[in-house]
Amino acid sequence: MKFKSGDRWKSSKGELKYKTWRKNVFQLNKIKIGLNKWYVCVKCKLKRKTTRILHAHHIKSWEKFPRDRYKRENGVVMCKRCHYKFHKKYGFEALDKPELLNEYLGG
């Protein structure tokens, strides 16, 4: 799932807010799960020192929950593989039901 420029934001201010959100999600992951050394996928526990193969995933959908878009608590870190599996399994249903992430992580 590649995003073209302009998919998520309409201005450079929006892009900066998104990049800041993403950075904060990764920092929170590193502090909570990675013990300040690693970034860790919340599903498969893959550990990496860089964010190259990791994604910041919105728990509550970007489109359906605009007030929560940039809250760092609204994000989790997943490796590309787990992130794609989540979206393949739940598709558009996940946009309306943030609780599906808990189901996915538990199963």
N, C-alpha and C. Protein backbone atom coordinates (compact mmCIF):
# COMPACT_ATOMS: atom_id res chain seq x y z
N MET A 1 0.85 -1.16 0.00
CA MET A 1 0.00 0.00 0.00
C MET A 1 0.90 1.23 0.00
N LYS A 2 1.11 1.80 -1.14
CA LYS A 2 1.93 3.00 -1.26
C LYS A 2 1.01 4.21 -1.33
N PHE A 3 1.42 5.28 -0.70
CA PHE A 3 0.64 6.51 -0.72
C PHE A 3 1.30 7.51 -1.64
N LYS A 4 0.52 8.09 -2.51
CA LYS A 4 1.02 9.16 -3.36
C LYS A 4 1.03 10.44 -2.54
N SER A 5 1.92 11.35 -2.87
CA SER A 5 1.91 12.62 -2.15
C SER A 5 0.56 13.28 -2.34
N GLY A 6 0.01 13.78 -1.27
CA GLY A 6 -1.30 14.41 -1.33
C GLY A 6 -2.42 13.49 -0.89
N ASP A 7 -2.14 12.18 -0.68
CA ASP A 7 -3.18 11.27 -0.23
C ASP A 7 -3.66 11.60 1.18
N ARG A 8 -2.76 11.95 2.02
CA ARG A 8 -3.11 12.14 3.43
C ARG A 8 -3.17 13.59 3.89
N TRP A 9 -2.63 14.46 3.15
CA TRP A 9 -2.60 15.86 3.57
C TRP A 9 -2.70 16.75 2.35
N LYS A 10 -3.17 17.95 2.59
CA LYS A 10 -3.36 18.88 1.49
C LYS A 10 -2.36 20.03 1.54
N SER A 11 -1.54 20.07 2.57
CA SER A 11 -0.58 21.17 2.70
C SER A 11 0.69 20.65 3.37
N SER A 12 1.72 21.45 3.31
CA SER A 12 2.96 21.05 3.96
C SER A 12 2.78 21.02 5.48
N LYS A 13 1.85 21.83 6.00
CA LYS A 13 1.57 21.81 7.43
C LYS A 13 0.99 20.45 7.83
N GLY A 14 0.09 19.91 7.01
CA GLY A 14 -0.48 18.59 7.26
C GLY A 14 0.57 17.50 7.17
N GLU A 15 1.47 17.63 6.22
CA GLU A 15 2.54 16.65 6.07
C GLU A 15 3.45 16.67 7.30
N LEU A 16 3.76 17.85 7.79
CA LEU A 16 4.60 17.97 8.98
C LEU A 16 3.91 17.35 10.19
N LYS A 17 2.61 17.58 10.34
CA LYS A 17 1.86 17.00 11.45
C LYS A 17 1.87 15.48 11.37
N TYR A 18 1.71 14.94 10.16
CA TYR A 18 1.71 13.48 9.99
C TYR A 18 3.09 12.91 10.32
N LYS A 19 4.14 13.53 9.82
CA LYS A 19 5.49 13.04 10.10
C LYS A 19 5.81 13.11 11.59
N THR A 20 5.34 14.15 12.25
CA THR A 20 5.54 14.28 13.69
C THR A 20 4.78 13.18 14.43
N TRP A 21 3.53 12.92 14.00
CA TRP A 21 2.74 11.83 14.61
C TRP A 21 3.48 10.50 14.46
N ARG A 22 3.95 10.22 13.26
CA ARG A 22 4.65 8.97 12.98
C ARG A 22 5.88 8.82 13.87
N LYS A 23 6.66 9.89 13.97
CA LYS A 23 7.86 9.88 14.81
C LYS A 23 7.49 9.61 16.28
N ASN A 24 6.41 10.25 16.75
CA ASN A 24 5.97 10.06 18.13
C ASN A 24 5.50 8.63 18.40
N VAL A 25 4.82 8.03 17.42
CA VAL A 25 4.37 6.64 17.57
C VAL A 25 5.58 5.72 17.69
N PHE A 26 6.58 5.93 16.87
CA PHE A 26 7.79 5.10 16.95
C PHE A 26 8.53 5.32 18.27
N GLN A 27 8.61 6.55 18.74
CA GLN A 27 9.28 6.83 20.02
C GLN A 27 8.55 6.16 21.17
N LEU A 28 7.21 6.24 21.17
CA LEU A 28 6.42 5.60 22.22
C LEU A 28 6.64 4.09 22.20
N ASN A 29 6.69 3.50 21.03
CA ASN A 29 6.95 2.06 20.89
C ASN A 29 8.31 1.69 21.45
N LYS A 30 9.29 2.49 21.14
CA LYS A 30 10.66 2.22 21.60
C LYS A 30 10.74 2.28 23.13
N ILE A 31 10.05 3.24 23.70
CA ILE A 31 10.07 3.41 25.16
C ILE A 31 9.29 2.29 25.86
N LYS A 32 8.09 2.00 25.36
CA LYS A 32 7.22 1.02 26.02
C LYS A 32 7.65 -0.42 25.78
N ILE A 33 7.98 -0.76 24.55
CA ILE A 33 8.20 -2.16 24.20
C ILE A 33 9.67 -2.47 23.94
N GLY A 34 10.38 -1.54 23.32
CA GLY A 34 11.74 -1.81 22.87
C GLY A 34 12.84 -1.50 23.84
N LEU A 35 12.47 -1.07 25.03
CA LEU A 35 13.46 -0.77 26.07
C LEU A 35 14.52 0.21 25.58
N ASN A 36 14.08 1.24 24.87
CA ASN A 36 14.92 2.33 24.38
C ASN A 36 15.98 1.92 23.37
N LYS A 37 15.95 0.69 22.90
CA LYS A 37 16.97 0.25 21.95
C LYS A 37 16.38 -0.19 20.62
N TRP A 38 15.20 -0.77 20.64
CA TRP A 38 14.60 -1.36 19.45
C TRP A 38 13.21 -0.78 19.18
N TYR A 39 12.81 -0.85 17.92
CA TYR A 39 11.41 -0.67 17.54
C TYR A 39 10.87 -2.08 17.37
N VAL A 40 9.68 -2.35 17.89
CA VAL A 40 9.15 -3.72 17.92
C VAL A 40 7.75 -3.78 17.33
N CYS A 41 7.53 -4.73 16.42
CA CYS A 41 6.20 -4.96 15.86
C CYS A 41 5.30 -5.49 16.97
N VAL A 42 4.11 -4.90 17.14
CA VAL A 42 3.21 -5.32 18.21
C VAL A 42 2.58 -6.68 17.96
N LYS A 43 2.62 -7.17 16.73
CA LYS A 43 2.03 -8.48 16.41
C LYS A 43 3.06 -9.60 16.51
N CYS A 44 4.10 -9.55 15.72
CA CYS A 44 5.05 -10.68 15.64
C CYS A 44 6.31 -10.47 16.49
N LYS A 45 6.44 -9.29 17.10
CA LYS A 45 7.59 -8.95 17.97
C LYS A 45 8.91 -8.83 17.22
N LEU A 46 8.87 -8.61 15.91
CA LEU A 46 10.08 -8.37 15.13
C LEU A 46 10.77 -7.12 15.67
N LYS A 47 12.06 -7.20 15.92
CA LYS A 47 12.82 -6.08 16.48
C LYS A 47 13.74 -5.50 15.42
N ARG A 48 13.78 -4.18 15.34
CA ARG A 48 14.68 -3.49 14.42
C ARG A 48 15.16 -2.20 15.07
N LYS A 49 16.38 -1.83 14.71
CA LYS A 49 16.94 -0.57 15.21
C LYS A 49 16.52 0.61 14.35
N THR A 50 16.07 0.35 13.13
CA THR A 50 15.59 1.42 12.26
C THR A 50 14.12 1.18 11.92
N THR A 51 13.49 2.19 11.34
CA THR A 51 12.06 2.08 11.00
C THR A 51 11.86 1.65 9.55
N ARG A 52 12.90 1.23 8.89
CA ARG A 52 12.86 0.94 7.45
C ARG A 52 11.75 -0.03 7.06
N ILE A 53 11.58 -1.13 7.78
CA ILE A 53 10.55 -2.11 7.39
C ILE A 53 9.36 -2.11 8.35
N LEU A 54 9.23 -1.04 9.10
CA LEU A 54 8.13 -0.93 10.06
C LEU A 54 7.18 0.19 9.64
N HIS A 55 5.91 0.02 9.97
CA HIS A 55 4.88 1.02 9.66
C HIS A 55 4.24 1.51 10.95
N ALA A 56 3.83 2.76 10.94
CA ALA A 56 2.99 3.30 12.01
C ALA A 56 1.55 3.16 11.53
N HIS A 57 0.75 2.40 12.28
CA HIS A 57 -0.63 2.11 11.89
C HIS A 57 -1.59 2.88 12.80
N HIS A 58 -2.58 3.54 12.21
CA HIS A 58 -3.62 4.22 12.99
C HIS A 58 -4.56 3.17 13.58
N ILE A 59 -4.80 3.23 14.88
CA ILE A 59 -5.76 2.35 15.52
C ILE A 59 -7.16 2.77 15.10
N LYS A 60 -7.43 4.04 15.28
CA LYS A 60 -8.70 4.61 14.81
C LYS A 60 -8.42 5.22 13.44
N SER A 61 -9.25 4.92 12.51
CA SER A 61 -9.05 5.31 11.11
C SER A 61 -8.78 6.80 10.93
N TRP A 62 -7.88 7.09 10.00
CA TRP A 62 -7.53 8.46 9.62
C TRP A 62 -8.78 9.22 9.16
N GLU A 63 -9.56 8.58 8.34
CA GLU A 63 -10.72 9.23 7.71
C GLU A 63 -11.91 9.35 8.65
N LYS A 64 -12.21 8.32 9.41
CA LYS A 64 -13.43 8.27 10.23
C LYS A 64 -13.28 8.96 11.59
N PHE A 65 -12.07 9.13 12.07
CA PHE A 65 -11.84 9.72 13.39
C PHE A 65 -10.85 10.89 13.28
N PRO A 66 -11.24 11.99 12.64
CA PRO A 66 -10.29 13.09 12.41
C PRO A 66 -9.72 13.72 13.68
N ARG A 67 -10.45 13.66 14.78
CA ARG A 67 -9.94 14.26 16.03
C ARG A 67 -8.78 13.46 16.62
N ASP A 68 -8.69 12.20 16.25
CA ASP A 68 -7.64 11.34 16.81
C ASP A 68 -6.47 11.13 15.86
N ARG A 69 -6.46 11.78 14.73
CA ARG A 69 -5.43 11.56 13.71
C ARG A 69 -4.02 11.69 14.22
N TYR A 70 -3.77 12.72 14.98
CA TYR A 70 -2.38 13.03 15.35
C TYR A 70 -2.08 12.73 16.81
N LYS A 71 -2.93 11.98 17.49
CA LYS A 71 -2.64 11.56 18.86
C LYS A 71 -1.72 10.35 18.80
N ARG A 72 -0.62 10.42 19.50
CA ARG A 72 0.34 9.32 19.40
C ARG A 72 -0.20 8.03 19.99
N GLU A 73 -1.19 8.12 20.89
CA GLU A 73 -1.82 6.93 21.45
C GLU A 73 -2.70 6.23 20.40
N ASN A 74 -2.96 6.89 19.30
CA ASN A 74 -3.77 6.32 18.22
C ASN A 74 -2.89 5.62 17.19
N GLY A 75 -1.72 5.22 17.59
CA GLY A 75 -0.84 4.54 16.64
C GLY A 75 -0.13 3.37 17.28
N VAL A 76 0.13 2.37 16.46
CA VAL A 76 0.95 1.23 16.87
C VAL A 76 1.96 0.95 15.77
N VAL A 77 3.03 0.29 16.14
CA VAL A 77 4.07 -0.06 15.17
C VAL A 77 3.88 -1.51 14.75
N MET A 78 3.83 -1.71 13.44
CA MET A 78 3.75 -3.06 12.88
C MET A 78 4.77 -3.19 11.77
N CYS A 79 5.30 -4.40 11.62
CA CYS A 79 6.17 -4.63 10.47
C CYS A 79 5.28 -4.62 9.21
N LYS A 80 5.90 -4.43 8.07
CA LYS A 80 5.14 -4.37 6.82
C LYS A 80 4.27 -5.61 6.63
N ARG A 81 4.83 -6.75 6.91
CA ARG A 81 4.11 -8.01 6.69
C ARG A 81 2.84 -8.09 7.54
N CYS A 82 2.95 -7.80 8.83
CA CYS A 82 1.77 -7.84 9.72
C CYS A 82 0.76 -6.76 9.35
N HIS A 83 1.24 -5.60 8.97
CA HIS A 83 0.36 -4.50 8.59
C HIS A 83 -0.46 -4.88 7.36
N TYR A 84 0.17 -5.44 6.35
CA TYR A 84 -0.54 -5.85 5.14
C TYR A 84 -1.51 -6.99 5.43
N LYS A 85 -1.11 -7.94 6.30
CA LYS A 85 -2.01 -9.04 6.66
C LYS A 85 -3.26 -8.52 7.35
N PHE A 86 -3.08 -7.53 8.23
CA PHE A 86 -4.23 -6.94 8.94
C PHE A 86 -5.21 -6.35 7.94
N HIS A 87 -4.71 -5.54 7.01
CA HIS A 87 -5.60 -4.90 6.04
C HIS A 87 -6.19 -5.90 5.05
N LYS A 88 -5.47 -6.96 4.76
CA LYS A 88 -6.01 -7.99 3.87
C LYS A 88 -7.14 -8.75 4.57
N LYS A 89 -6.97 -9.02 5.85
CA LYS A 89 -7.97 -9.77 6.60
C LYS A 89 -9.24 -8.97 6.86
N TYR A 90 -9.10 -7.70 7.24
CA TYR A 90 -10.26 -6.91 7.66
C TYR A 90 -10.73 -5.90 6.62
N GLY A 91 -9.88 -5.55 5.68
CA GLY A 91 -10.28 -4.63 4.62
C GLY A 91 -10.86 -3.33 5.14
N PHE A 92 -11.95 -2.89 4.51
CA PHE A 92 -12.57 -1.62 4.87
C PHE A 92 -13.36 -1.70 6.17
N GLU A 93 -13.64 -2.88 6.65
CA GLU A 93 -14.37 -3.04 7.91
C GLU A 93 -13.59 -2.42 9.08
N ALA A 94 -12.26 -2.46 8.98
CA ALA A 94 -11.40 -1.92 10.04
C ALA A 94 -11.53 -0.40 10.18
N LEU A 95 -12.01 0.28 9.14
CA LEU A 95 -12.16 1.73 9.21
C LEU A 95 -13.19 2.15 10.25
N ASP A 96 -14.24 1.36 10.39
CA ASP A 96 -15.32 1.69 11.32
C ASP A 96 -15.17 1.03 12.68
N LYS A 97 -14.31 0.03 12.77
CA LYS A 97 -14.20 -0.76 14.00
C LYS A 97 -12.75 -0.85 14.48
N PRO A 98 -12.31 0.13 15.27
CA PRO A 98 -10.93 0.09 15.78
C PRO A 98 -10.64 -1.14 16.65
N GLU A 99 -11.68 -1.72 17.23
CA GLU A 99 -11.49 -2.88 18.10
C GLU A 99 -10.98 -4.12 17.34
N LEU A 100 -11.08 -4.10 16.02
CA LEU A 100 -10.57 -5.22 15.23
C LEU A 100 -9.06 -5.38 15.36
N LEU A 101 -8.37 -4.30 15.68
CA LEU A 101 -6.92 -4.41 15.87
C LEU A 101 -6.62 -5.28 17.07
N ASN A 102 -7.39 -5.11 18.16
CA ASN A 102 -7.19 -5.95 19.36
C ASN A 102 -7.45 -7.42 19.03
N GLU A 103 -8.49 -7.68 18.24
CA GLU A 103 -8.79 -9.04 17.80
C GLU A 103 -7.62 -9.62 17.01
N TYR A 104 -7.08 -8.83 16.10
CA TYR A 104 -5.96 -9.27 15.26
C TYR A 104 -4.71 -9.54 16.09
N LEU A 105 -4.42 -8.67 17.03
CA LEU A 105 -3.22 -8.82 17.85
C LEU A 105 -3.34 -9.99 18.81
N GLY A 106 -4.55 -10.30 19.24
CA GLY A 106 -4.76 -11.39 20.18
C GLY A 106 -4.77 -12.76 19.53
N GLY A 107 -5.04 -12.80 18.22
CA GLY A 107 -5.20 -14.09 17.54
C GLY A 107 -4.06 -14.56 16.77
